[in-house]
Amino acid sequence: MRYSILLLCLPACFGQTIATDDYLRNDLSAGFRYEVVGDSPGYGLRYSHRPLRWLEFEAGLDQIPRPIGASECCEYVTNANDELFLVPFGARYVFEPGEQRIRLSVGGGGAYMNHTIGNNVFPNSHLDISGWGDQFVAAGDYGLTRSGRFRVGVTGRYYYIRVGPYQTGRIFTVGPDFTYSFR
């Protein structure tokens, strides 16, 4: 409840008007993702809609193929053959200062994680670790065109996923984004 009140009060603090309708409401983004802790590359896709100039709702998918890889610890002798899927959804506060091409956003919401490990300790076994949790995001981008339809930026996202009664998954991804905005 406190976060929703804060989200509604932020535009007044920065003086953005809500009545203007001269902005692009929808974004399609694709980009590379880099899982910082696991040192693994991946990709991300995202769709967002802005019902108000300062408020954005988003849903996306981040995939990190083989975040464990060929591990030297544990019982893995060969590649773990694992896949990490992260599905973030939530809201962001968007700040566009003046007529500049810069756009900054912060937000958060829920997330779903599915981590599938093909090569487990036992032969021919398959392990799925999945759960629901929270995600927090900060991003900035710059309009390559004067209209702002094509943008390039950077997104950092922190996932906090509960995968068991006493286990949590903490994943931090960062990477560049390429965005197409439209009405």
Protein backbone atom coordinates (compact mmCIF):
# COMPACT_ATOMS: atom_id res chain seq x y z
CA MET A 1 0.00 0.00 0.00
CA ARG A 2 2.82 2.43 0.86
CA TYR A 3 4.48 1.84 -2.50
CA SER A 4 1.29 2.55 -4.43
CA ILE A 5 0.79 5.83 -2.55
CA LEU A 6 4.42 6.77 -3.20
CA LEU A 7 4.03 5.88 -6.88
CA LEU A 8 1.00 8.15 -7.20
CA CYS A 9 2.67 11.07 -5.39
CA LEU A 10 5.98 11.08 -7.29
CA PRO A 11 4.75 13.01 -10.37
CA ALA A 12 3.71 15.93 -8.19
CA CYS A 13 7.23 16.06 -6.74
CA PHE A 14 8.84 16.33 -10.16
CA GLY A 15 6.22 18.58 -11.73
CA GLN A 16 5.17 16.30 -14.59
CA THR A 17 1.71 16.88 -15.95
CA ILE A 18 -0.70 14.00 -16.27
CA ALA A 19 -3.07 15.65 -18.77
CA THR A 20 -0.66 15.70 -21.73
CA ASP A 21 -1.12 13.05 -24.39
CA ASP A 22 1.99 13.71 -26.51
CA TYR A 23 3.98 10.62 -25.61
CA LEU A 24 4.39 7.13 -27.02
CA ARG A 25 2.36 4.68 -24.94
CA ASN A 26 3.76 1.26 -25.92
CA ASP A 27 7.28 -0.16 -25.95
CA LEU A 28 8.71 -3.38 -27.36
CA SER A 29 12.22 -4.07 -26.08
CA ALA A 30 14.83 -6.70 -26.77
CA GLY A 31 18.28 -6.88 -25.33
CA PHE A 32 21.16 -8.87 -24.00
CA ARG A 33 21.22 -9.92 -20.37
CA TYR A 34 24.21 -10.72 -18.25
CA GLU A 35 23.72 -12.59 -14.97
CA VAL A 36 26.30 -10.96 -12.74
CA VAL A 37 26.75 -13.67 -10.09
CA GLY A 38 26.77 -16.65 -12.46
CA ASP A 39 28.86 -14.82 -15.06
CA SER A 40 26.48 -15.94 -17.85
CA PRO A 41 25.06 -14.16 -20.93
CA GLY A 42 21.44 -14.36 -22.07
CA TYR A 43 18.66 -12.27 -23.59
CA GLY A 44 15.54 -10.41 -22.54
CA LEU A 45 12.22 -9.43 -24.16
CA ARG A 46 9.73 -6.94 -22.75
CA TYR A 47 6.42 -5.25 -23.55
CA SER A 48 5.24 -2.20 -21.63
CA HIS A 49 2.24 0.10 -21.70
CA ARG A 50 2.03 3.61 -20.27
CA PRO A 51 -1.54 4.60 -19.36
CA LEU A 52 -0.13 7.81 -17.86
CA ARG A 53 3.00 9.70 -18.88
CA TRP A 54 4.75 8.79 -15.62
CA LEU A 55 3.37 5.25 -15.06
CA GLU A 56 4.37 2.15 -17.01
CA PHE A 57 3.12 -1.43 -16.67
CA GLU A 58 5.46 -4.13 -17.98
CA ALA A 59 5.77 -7.86 -18.59
CA GLY A 60 8.80 -9.66 -19.95
CA LEU A 61 10.99 -12.71 -20.22
CA ASP A 62 14.69 -13.09 -19.43
CA GLN A 63 16.46 -16.31 -20.35
CA ILE A 64 19.96 -17.23 -19.28
CA PRO A 65 21.12 -20.43 -21.00
CA ARG A 66 23.50 -22.49 -18.90
CA PRO A 67 23.99 -20.18 -15.89
CA ILE A 68 25.82 -22.96 -14.02
CA GLY A 69 27.71 -24.19 -17.07
CA ALA A 70 30.56 -26.62 -16.53
CA SER A 71 30.92 -26.23 -12.79
CA GLU A 72 34.02 -27.26 -10.93
CA CYS A 73 32.24 -27.60 -7.62
CA CYS A 74 29.49 -29.95 -6.58
CA GLU A 75 29.08 -33.25 -8.37
CA TYR A 76 28.99 -31.95 -11.95
CA VAL A 77 31.69 -33.46 -14.10
CA THR A 78 30.27 -32.14 -17.39
CA ASN A 79 28.07 -29.24 -18.35
CA ALA A 80 24.99 -28.94 -16.12
CA ASN A 81 22.76 -28.50 -19.20
CA ASP A 82 20.61 -25.98 -17.35
CA GLU A 83 18.24 -23.21 -18.41
CA LEU A 84 17.12 -20.24 -16.31
CA PHE A 85 13.84 -18.51 -17.21
CA LEU A 86 12.76 -15.34 -15.40
CA VAL A 87 9.36 -13.70 -15.99
CA PRO A 88 9.15 -10.18 -14.49
CA PHE A 89 5.94 -8.14 -14.34
CA GLY A 90 5.04 -4.96 -12.53
CA ALA A 91 5.03 -1.18 -12.69
CA ARG A 92 7.63 1.54 -13.16
CA TYR A 93 7.77 5.25 -12.49
CA VAL A 94 8.99 7.00 -15.66
CA PHE A 95 10.80 10.34 -15.60
CA GLU A 96 11.42 12.26 -18.83
CA PRO A 97 13.06 15.60 -18.07
CA GLY A 98 11.74 18.33 -20.39
CA GLU A 99 12.08 17.91 -24.14
CA GLN A 100 15.27 15.89 -23.87
CA ARG A 101 15.60 12.39 -25.28
CA ILE A 102 16.60 10.87 -21.95
CA ARG A 103 14.15 8.62 -20.09
CA LEU A 104 14.77 7.15 -16.62
CA SER A 105 12.61 4.61 -14.81
CA VAL A 106 12.51 2.70 -11.52
CA GLY A 107 10.02 0.15 -10.31
CA GLY A 108 9.29 -3.35 -9.24
CA GLY A 109 6.70 -6.04 -8.98
CA GLY A 110 6.43 -9.80 -9.08
CA ALA A 111 8.48 -12.43 -10.84
CA TYR A 112 8.42 -16.12 -11.66
CA MET A 113 11.59 -18.22 -11.96
CA ASN A 114 12.10 -21.65 -13.50
CA HIS A 115 15.58 -23.14 -13.37
CA THR A 116 15.83 -26.52 -15.09
CA ILE A 117 18.96 -28.63 -14.58
CA GLY A 118 19.34 -31.52 -17.01
CA ASN A 119 22.46 -33.23 -15.63
CA ASN A 120 21.82 -33.88 -11.97
CA VAL A 121 23.78 -36.01 -9.52
CA PHE A 122 21.95 -39.16 -10.60
CA PRO A 123 22.05 -40.36 -14.23
CA ASN A 124 18.99 -39.61 -16.38
CA SER A 125 17.52 -37.33 -13.73
CA HIS A 126 15.94 -33.92 -14.21
CA LEU A 127 15.68 -31.18 -11.56
CA ASP A 128 13.29 -28.19 -11.73
CA ILE A 129 13.63 -25.31 -9.29
CA SER A 130 10.81 -22.81 -9.60
CA GLY A 131 9.09 -20.23 -7.49
CA TRP A 132 7.46 -16.82 -7.22
CA GLY A 133 9.00 -13.71 -5.76
CA ASP A 134 9.82 -10.07 -6.24
CA GLN A 135 11.88 -8.03 -8.69
CA PHE A 136 13.23 -4.50 -8.64
CA VAL A 137 14.33 -2.62 -11.77
CA ALA A 138 16.16 0.57 -12.72
CA ALA A 139 16.68 1.63 -16.32
CA GLY A 140 17.72 4.53 -18.49
CA ASP A 141 17.52 4.99 -22.22
CA TYR A 142 18.16 7.58 -24.91
CA GLY A 143 16.08 8.30 -28.02
CA LEU A 144 18.13 7.75 -31.16
CA THR A 145 15.53 9.56 -33.26
CA ARG A 146 13.94 12.93 -32.58
CA SER A 147 10.51 11.27 -32.25
CA GLY A 148 11.84 8.84 -29.62
CA ARG A 149 10.55 5.78 -31.46
CA PHE A 150 13.95 4.05 -31.49
CA ARG A 151 15.80 3.99 -28.20
CA VAL A 152 18.91 2.39 -26.73
CA GLY A 153 19.51 1.99 -23.01
CA VAL A 154 20.62 -0.09 -20.03
CA THR A 155 18.46 -2.09 -17.60
CA GLY A 156 19.45 -3.57 -14.26
CA ARG A 157 17.07 -5.95 -12.50
CA TYR A 158 17.32 -7.72 -9.13
CA TYR A 159 15.24 -10.85 -8.52
CA TYR A 160 14.42 -12.20 -5.06
CA ILE A 161 12.62 -15.53 -5.55
CA ARG A 162 11.41 -17.93 -2.86
CA VAL A 163 12.13 -21.49 -4.02
CA GLY A 164 11.56 -23.34 -0.75
CA PRO A 165 10.69 -22.77 2.88
CA TYR A 166 14.25 -21.71 3.74
CA GLN A 167 15.72 -21.06 0.29
CA THR A 168 15.73 -17.97 -1.88
CA GLY A 169 17.14 -17.28 -5.30
CA ARG A 170 18.89 -13.93 -5.64
CA ILE A 171 19.68 -13.04 -9.24
CA PHE A 172 20.98 -9.75 -10.63
CA THR A 173 20.85 -9.16 -14.38
CA VAL A 174 22.11 -6.17 -16.32
CA GLY A 175 22.34 -5.41 -20.01
CA PRO A 176 21.66 -3.16 -22.97
CA ASP A 177 18.18 -2.76 -24.45
CA PHE A 178 16.95 -1.77 -27.90
CA THR A 179 13.42 -0.35 -27.80
CA TYR A 180 10.78 0.49 -30.39
CA SER A 181 8.07 2.83 -29.05
CA PHE A 182 4.67 3.39 -30.65
CA ARG A 183 1.21 4.73 -29.88
